Amino acid sequence: MMFRKKKTPLFGSEIQPDCAYCYYNAAPEGTPVCALHRQMEEGRCKAYLYNPLFRKPRPAPALKTGNFDPEDFKL
């Protein structure tokens, strides 16, 4: 078989449950609101379903431009 299912989760296997990343989050921006009207109990929710599209990407690291001279970019 040429294509196989990826065995590891998209962002690692140790994603802490968070209502902001849940599939049932009705308000992706701002305070999370559960569409099923559930609350996290002891850090767990039985309806929690991870949605990678709600995850915010990390900001890009700053470029270190102090070590370059204009001569480095000439051909």
C-alpha atoms as a PDB file:
ATOM      1  CA  MET A   1       0.000   0.000   0.000  1.00  0.00           C
ATOM      2  CA  MET A   2       1.398   3.370  -0.954  1.00  0.00           C
ATOM      3  CA  PHE A   3      -0.404   5.651   1.528  1.00  0.00           C
ATOM      4  CA  ARG A   4      -0.863   4.839   5.182  1.00  0.00           C
ATOM      5  CA  LYS A   5      -2.626   6.544   8.041  1.00  0.00           C
ATOM      6  CA  LYS A   6      -0.360   8.698  10.192  1.00  0.00           C
ATOM      7  CA  LYS A   7       0.161   6.931  13.519  1.00  0.00           C
ATOM      8  CA  THR A   8       1.047   9.980  15.622  1.00  0.00           C
ATOM      9  CA  PRO A   9      -1.349  12.858  16.327  1.00  0.00           C
ATOM     10  CA  LEU A  10      -0.891  16.125  14.467  1.00  0.00           C
ATOM     11  CA  PHE A  11       0.607  18.223  17.297  1.00  0.00           C
ATOM     12  CA  GLY A  12       1.885  15.411  19.534  1.00  0.00           C
ATOM     13  CA  SER A  13       0.182  12.979  21.857  1.00  0.00           C
ATOM     14  CA  GLU A  14       0.325  15.106  25.007  1.00  0.00           C
ATOM     15  CA  ILE A  15      -2.170  17.880  24.207  1.00  0.00           C
ATOM     16  CA  GLN A  16      -3.857  19.078  27.373  1.00  0.00           C
ATOM     17  CA  PRO A  17      -7.663  19.319  27.011  1.00  0.00           C
ATOM     18  CA  ASP A  18      -8.650  22.947  26.577  1.00  0.00           C
ATOM     19  CA  CYS A  19     -12.083  24.255  25.623  1.00  0.00           C
ATOM     20  CA  ALA A  20     -10.426  26.719  23.230  1.00  0.00           C
ATOM     21  CA  TYR A  21      -9.282  23.779  21.021  1.00  0.00           C
ATOM     22  CA  CYS A  22     -12.476  21.725  21.310  1.00  0.00           C
ATOM     23  CA  TYR A  23     -14.571  20.860  18.254  1.00  0.00           C
ATOM     24  CA  TYR A  24     -17.704  21.902  20.172  1.00  0.00           C
ATOM     25  CA  ASN A  25     -16.391  25.398  20.925  1.00  0.00           C
ATOM     26  CA  ALA A  26     -19.105  27.720  19.591  1.00  0.00           C
ATOM     27  CA  ALA A  27     -16.974  30.893  19.970  1.00  0.00           C
ATOM     28  CA  PRO A  28     -13.449  30.244  18.610  1.00  0.00           C
ATOM     29  CA  GLU A  29     -12.487  33.872  19.261  1.00  0.00           C
ATOM     30  CA  GLY A  30     -12.682  35.131  22.808  1.00  0.00           C
ATOM     31  CA  THR A  31     -14.019  33.121  25.732  1.00  0.00           C
ATOM     32  CA  PRO A  32     -14.833  29.503  24.751  1.00  0.00           C
ATOM     33  CA  VAL A  33     -18.525  28.591  24.822  1.00  0.00           C
ATOM     34  CA  CYS A  34     -19.509  24.924  24.680  1.00  0.00           C
ATOM     35  CA  ALA A  35     -22.166  24.176  22.067  1.00  0.00           C
ATOM     36  CA  LEU A  36     -23.227  21.185  24.197  1.00  0.00           C
ATOM     37  CA  HIS A  37     -23.459  23.350  27.359  1.00  0.00           C
ATOM     38  CA  ARG A  38     -20.881  21.247  29.221  1.00  0.00           C
ATOM     39  CA  GLN A  39     -18.197  22.276  31.702  1.00  0.00           C
ATOM     40  CA  MET A  40     -14.752  20.814  32.365  1.00  0.00           C
ATOM     41  CA  GLU A  41     -14.722  18.774  35.578  1.00  0.00           C
ATOM     42  CA  GLU A  42     -11.315  18.054  37.167  1.00  0.00           C
ATOM     43  CA  GLY A  43      -9.605  18.940  33.881  1.00  0.00           C
ATOM     44  CA  ARG A  44     -11.704  16.500  31.844  1.00  0.00           C
ATOM     45  CA  CYS A  45     -14.734  16.683  29.617  1.00  0.00           C
ATOM     46  CA  LYS A  46     -16.321  13.542  28.177  1.00  0.00           C
ATOM     47  CA  ALA A  47     -17.367  15.412  25.027  1.00  0.00           C
ATOM     48  CA  TYR A  48     -13.895  16.923  24.353  1.00  0.00           C
ATOM     49  CA  LEU A  49     -12.816  16.464  20.741  1.00  0.00           C
ATOM     50  CA  TYR A  50      -9.594  18.133  19.597  1.00  0.00           C
ATOM     51  CA  ASN A  51      -9.898  20.443  16.581  1.00  0.00           C
ATOM     52  CA  PRO A  52      -6.477  21.516  15.192  1.00  0.00           C
ATOM     53  CA  LEU A  53      -8.047  24.362  13.185  1.00  0.00           C
ATOM     54  CA  PHE A  54      -8.765  26.330  16.377  1.00  0.00           C
ATOM     55  CA  ARG A  55      -5.101  26.274  17.401  1.00  0.00           C
ATOM     56  CA  LYS A  56      -3.199  29.575  17.070  1.00  0.00           C
ATOM     57  CA  PRO A  57       0.230  29.288  15.412  1.00  0.00           C
ATOM     58  CA  ARG A  58       3.269  30.413  17.350  1.00  0.00           C
ATOM     59  CA  PRO A  59       4.772  33.730  16.283  1.00  0.00           C
ATOM     60  CA  ALA A  60       7.785  33.529  13.981  1.00  0.00           C
ATOM     61  CA  PRO A  61      11.153  33.991  15.712  1.00  0.00           C
ATOM     62  CA  ALA A  62      12.902  37.306  15.198  1.00  0.00           C
ATOM     63  CA  LEU A  63      15.579  37.421  12.527  1.00  0.00           C
ATOM     64  CA  LYS A  64      19.122  37.965  13.710  1.00  0.00           C
ATOM     65  CA  THR A  65      20.299  40.571  11.201  1.00  0.00           C
ATOM     66  CA  GLY A  66      23.083  42.100  13.291  1.00  0.00           C
ATOM     67  CA  ASN A  67      25.704  39.623  12.052  1.00  0.00           C
ATOM     68  CA  PHE A  68      25.385  40.454   8.324  1.00  0.00           C
ATOM     69  CA  ASP A  69      27.121  43.106   6.218  1.00  0.00           C
ATOM     70  CA  PRO A  70      25.852  44.503   2.900  1.00  0.00           C
ATOM     71  CA  GLU A  71      28.780  42.641   1.249  1.00  0.00           C
ATOM     72  CA  ASP A  72      27.230  39.310   2.271  1.00  0.00           C
ATOM     73  CA  PHE A  73      24.361  39.930  -0.148  1.00  0.00           C
ATOM     74  CA  LYS A  74      26.419  40.879  -3.213  1.00  0.00           C
ATOM     75  CA  LEU A  75      27.018  38.455  -6.038  1.00  0.00           C
END
